Amino acid sequence: MAEDEKKDGADKNDHRRLHSFPLIRHSDMAEEMRTEAMELCVTACEKFASSNEAASKMIKENMDKKFGSSWHVVVGEGFGFEITYETRNLLYMFFGGSVAIAVWKCS
């Protein structure tokens, strides 16, 4: 029985390790912009692991500074979205397994 509990704990740690990298589901951004946005999202989610609102605020403010205004960000779990956005300005990714991040620009 102790071995089963030990095995379950190891499985949970393996699962977390497998999903601790960013996974881009969809993006039409240029390679350089996508890389910067992805790194910014990872940094924000790690810094504000307990506050999705603070993470989204950090991402939005930095995207506005780097790439001009009118960026929008949603960070969370279990949401759907339908948006209108400027072409080549959308990033939809996952980080940490279940945290989804949608970043887009519209005028």
C-alpha atoms as a PDB file:
ATOM      1  CA  MET A   1       0.000   0.000   0.000  1.00  0.00           C
ATOM      2  CA  ALA A   2       2.828   2.407   0.803  1.00  0.00           C
ATOM      3  CA  GLU A   3       4.313   1.625  -2.613  1.00  0.00           C
ATOM      4  CA  ASP A   4       1.012   2.583  -4.304  1.00  0.00           C
ATOM      5  CA  GLU A   5       0.942   5.927  -2.482  1.00  0.00           C
ATOM      6  CA  LYS A   6       4.554   6.537  -3.446  1.00  0.00           C
ATOM      7  CA  LYS A   7       3.766   5.706  -7.072  1.00  0.00           C
ATOM      8  CA  ASP A   8       0.749   8.077  -7.137  1.00  0.00           C
ATOM      9  CA  GLY A   9       2.917  10.910  -5.807  1.00  0.00           C
ATOM     10  CA  ALA A  10       5.550  10.242  -8.462  1.00  0.00           C
ATOM     11  CA  ASP A  11       2.881  10.236 -11.200  1.00  0.00           C
ATOM     12  CA  LYS A  12       1.598  13.645 -10.063  1.00  0.00           C
ATOM     13  CA  ASN A  13       5.115  15.098 -10.096  1.00  0.00           C
ATOM     14  CA  ASP A  14       5.754  13.662 -13.559  1.00  0.00           C
ATOM     15  CA  HIS A  15       2.494  15.175 -14.806  1.00  0.00           C
ATOM     16  CA  ARG A  16       3.454  18.623 -13.501  1.00  0.00           C
ATOM     17  CA  ARG A  17       6.925  18.363 -15.004  1.00  0.00           C
ATOM     18  CA  LEU A  18       5.521  17.358 -18.390  1.00  0.00           C
ATOM     19  CA  HIS A  19       3.186  20.362 -18.527  1.00  0.00           C
ATOM     20  CA  SER A  20       5.442  23.094 -17.145  1.00  0.00           C
ATOM     21  CA  PHE A  21       6.463  24.346 -20.582  1.00  0.00           C
ATOM     22  CA  PRO A  22       4.507  26.766 -22.786  1.00  0.00           C
ATOM     23  CA  LEU A  23       2.303  25.128 -25.405  1.00  0.00           C
ATOM     24  CA  ILE A  24       1.150  27.371 -28.249  1.00  0.00           C
ATOM     25  CA  ARG A  25      -2.272  26.303 -29.512  1.00  0.00           C
ATOM     26  CA  HIS A  26      -2.644  29.014 -32.162  1.00  0.00           C
ATOM     27  CA  SER A  27      -0.700  32.048 -33.260  1.00  0.00           C
ATOM     28  CA  ASP A  28      -0.475  34.120 -36.400  1.00  0.00           C
ATOM     29  CA  MET A  29       2.194  36.466 -34.980  1.00  0.00           C
ATOM     30  CA  ALA A  30       5.592  36.940 -36.595  1.00  0.00           C
ATOM     31  CA  GLU A  31       8.226  34.641 -35.071  1.00  0.00           C
ATOM     32  CA  GLU A  32      10.020  37.395 -33.144  1.00  0.00           C
ATOM     33  CA  MET A  33       6.804  38.857 -31.690  1.00  0.00           C
ATOM     34  CA  ARG A  34       5.494  35.387 -30.793  1.00  0.00           C
ATOM     35  CA  THR A  35       8.715  34.519 -28.959  1.00  0.00           C
ATOM     36  CA  GLU A  36       8.677  37.773 -26.971  1.00  0.00           C
ATOM     37  CA  ALA A  37       4.974  37.426 -26.134  1.00  0.00           C
ATOM     38  CA  MET A  38       5.395  33.786 -25.066  1.00  0.00           C
ATOM     39  CA  GLU A  39       8.353  34.615 -22.807  1.00  0.00           C
ATOM     40  CA  LEU A  40       6.412  37.509 -21.300  1.00  0.00           C
ATOM     41  CA  CYS A  41       3.408  35.251 -20.612  1.00  0.00           C
ATOM     42  CA  VAL A  42       5.594  32.623 -18.934  1.00  0.00           C
ATOM     43  CA  THR A  43       7.315  35.261 -16.782  1.00  0.00           C
ATOM     44  CA  ALA A  44       4.006  36.816 -15.722  1.00  0.00           C
ATOM     45  CA  CYS A  45       2.393  33.462 -14.887  1.00  0.00           C
ATOM     46  CA  GLU A  46       5.405  32.379 -12.838  1.00  0.00           C
ATOM     47  CA  LYS A  47       5.615  35.723 -11.015  1.00  0.00           C
ATOM     48  CA  PHE A  48       1.877  35.903 -10.280  1.00  0.00           C
ATOM     49  CA  ALA A  49       1.038  32.202  -9.944  1.00  0.00           C
ATOM     50  CA  SER A  50      -1.814  32.925  -7.520  1.00  0.00           C
ATOM     51  CA  SER A  51      -3.284  35.941  -9.350  1.00  0.00           C
ATOM     52  CA  ASN A  52      -4.392  35.601 -12.975  1.00  0.00           C
ATOM     53  CA  GLU A  53      -5.578  39.218 -12.915  1.00  0.00           C
ATOM     54  CA  ALA A  54      -2.119  40.526 -11.978  1.00  0.00           C
ATOM     55  CA  ALA A  55      -0.502  38.292 -14.618  1.00  0.00           C
ATOM     56  CA  SER A  56      -2.843  39.554 -17.345  1.00  0.00           C
ATOM     57  CA  LYS A  57      -2.231  43.164 -16.302  1.00  0.00           C
ATOM     58  CA  MET A  58       1.538  42.683 -16.515  1.00  0.00           C
ATOM     59  CA  ILE A  59       1.263  41.051 -19.956  1.00  0.00           C
ATOM     60  CA  LYS A  60      -1.030  43.774 -21.306  1.00  0.00           C
ATOM     61  CA  GLU A  61       1.096  46.664 -20.041  1.00  0.00           C
ATOM     62  CA  ASN A  62       4.282  45.184 -21.478  1.00  0.00           C
ATOM     63  CA  MET A  63       2.678  44.353 -24.840  1.00  0.00           C
ATOM     64  CA  ASP A  64       1.303  47.922 -25.045  1.00  0.00           C
ATOM     65  CA  LYS A  65       4.814  49.308 -24.430  1.00  0.00           C
ATOM     66  CA  LYS A  66       6.602  47.008 -26.884  1.00  0.00           C
ATOM     67  CA  PHE A  67       4.088  46.765 -29.722  1.00  0.00           C
ATOM     68  CA  GLY A  68       1.750  49.768 -29.400  1.00  0.00           C
ATOM     69  CA  SER A  69      -1.572  50.079 -27.612  1.00  0.00           C
ATOM     70  CA  SER A  70      -4.873  48.200 -27.738  1.00  0.00           C
ATOM     71  CA  TRP A  71      -3.667  44.770 -26.563  1.00  0.00           C
ATOM     72  CA  HIS A  72      -6.093  42.553 -24.659  1.00  0.00           C
ATOM     73  CA  VAL A  73      -5.242  39.594 -22.421  1.00  0.00           C
ATOM     74  CA  VAL A  74      -7.203  36.800 -20.760  1.00  0.00           C
ATOM     75  CA  VAL A  75      -5.473  34.442 -18.310  1.00  0.00           C
ATOM     76  CA  GLY A  76      -7.370  31.595 -16.653  1.00  0.00           C
ATOM     77  CA  GLU A  77      -8.794  28.108 -16.766  1.00  0.00           C
ATOM     78  CA  GLY A  78     -11.912  26.806 -18.472  1.00  0.00           C
ATOM     79  CA  PHE A  79     -12.932  29.697 -20.700  1.00  0.00           C
ATOM     80  CA  GLY A  80     -13.984  29.980 -24.304  1.00  0.00           C
ATOM     81  CA  PHE A  81     -13.698  33.032 -26.495  1.00  0.00           C
ATOM     82  CA  GLU A  82     -14.684  34.457 -29.839  1.00  0.00           C
ATOM     83  CA  ILE A  83     -12.851  37.647 -30.755  1.00  0.00           C
ATOM     84  CA  THR A  84     -12.150  40.058 -33.582  1.00  0.00           C
ATOM     85  CA  TYR A  85      -8.492  40.956 -33.831  1.00  0.00           C
ATOM     86  CA  GLU A  86      -5.920  42.553 -36.120  1.00  0.00           C
ATOM     87  CA  THR A  87      -4.333  40.008 -38.429  1.00  0.00           C
ATOM     88  CA  ARG A  88      -0.934  38.714 -37.253  1.00  0.00           C
ATOM     89  CA  ASN A  89      -1.617  39.819 -33.661  1.00  0.00           C
ATOM     90  CA  LEU A  90      -3.041  36.757 -31.885  1.00  0.00           C
ATOM     91  CA  LEU A  91      -1.468  34.287 -29.463  1.00  0.00           C
ATOM     92  CA  TYR A  92      -3.360  31.494 -27.695  1.00  0.00           C
ATOM     93  CA  MET A  93      -1.251  29.285 -25.451  1.00  0.00           C
ATOM     94  CA  PHE A  94      -1.232  27.095 -22.356  1.00  0.00           C
ATOM     95  CA  PHE A  95       1.243  27.179 -19.493  1.00  0.00           C
ATOM     96  CA  GLY A  96       1.562  25.022 -16.412  1.00  0.00           C
ATOM     97  CA  GLY A  97      -0.859  22.428 -17.723  1.00  0.00           C
ATOM     98  CA  SER A  98      -4.257  24.081 -17.398  1.00  0.00           C
ATOM     99  CA  VAL A  99      -3.684  27.854 -17.448  1.00  0.00           C
ATOM    100  CA  ALA A 100      -4.674  29.293 -20.815  1.00  0.00           C
ATOM    101  CA  ILE A 101      -3.527  32.681 -22.075  1.00  0.00           C
ATOM    102  CA  ALA A 102      -5.102  34.572 -24.958  1.00  0.00           C
ATOM    103  CA  VAL A 103      -3.344  37.726 -26.171  1.00  0.00           C
ATOM    104  CA  TRP A 104      -4.660  39.784 -29.077  1.00  0.00           C
ATOM    105  CA  LYS A 105      -4.621  43.280 -30.489  1.00  0.00           C
ATOM    106  CA  CYS A 106      -7.552  45.147 -31.930  1.00  0.00           C
ATOM    107  CA  SER A 107      -7.979  48.761 -32.940  1.00  0.00           C
END
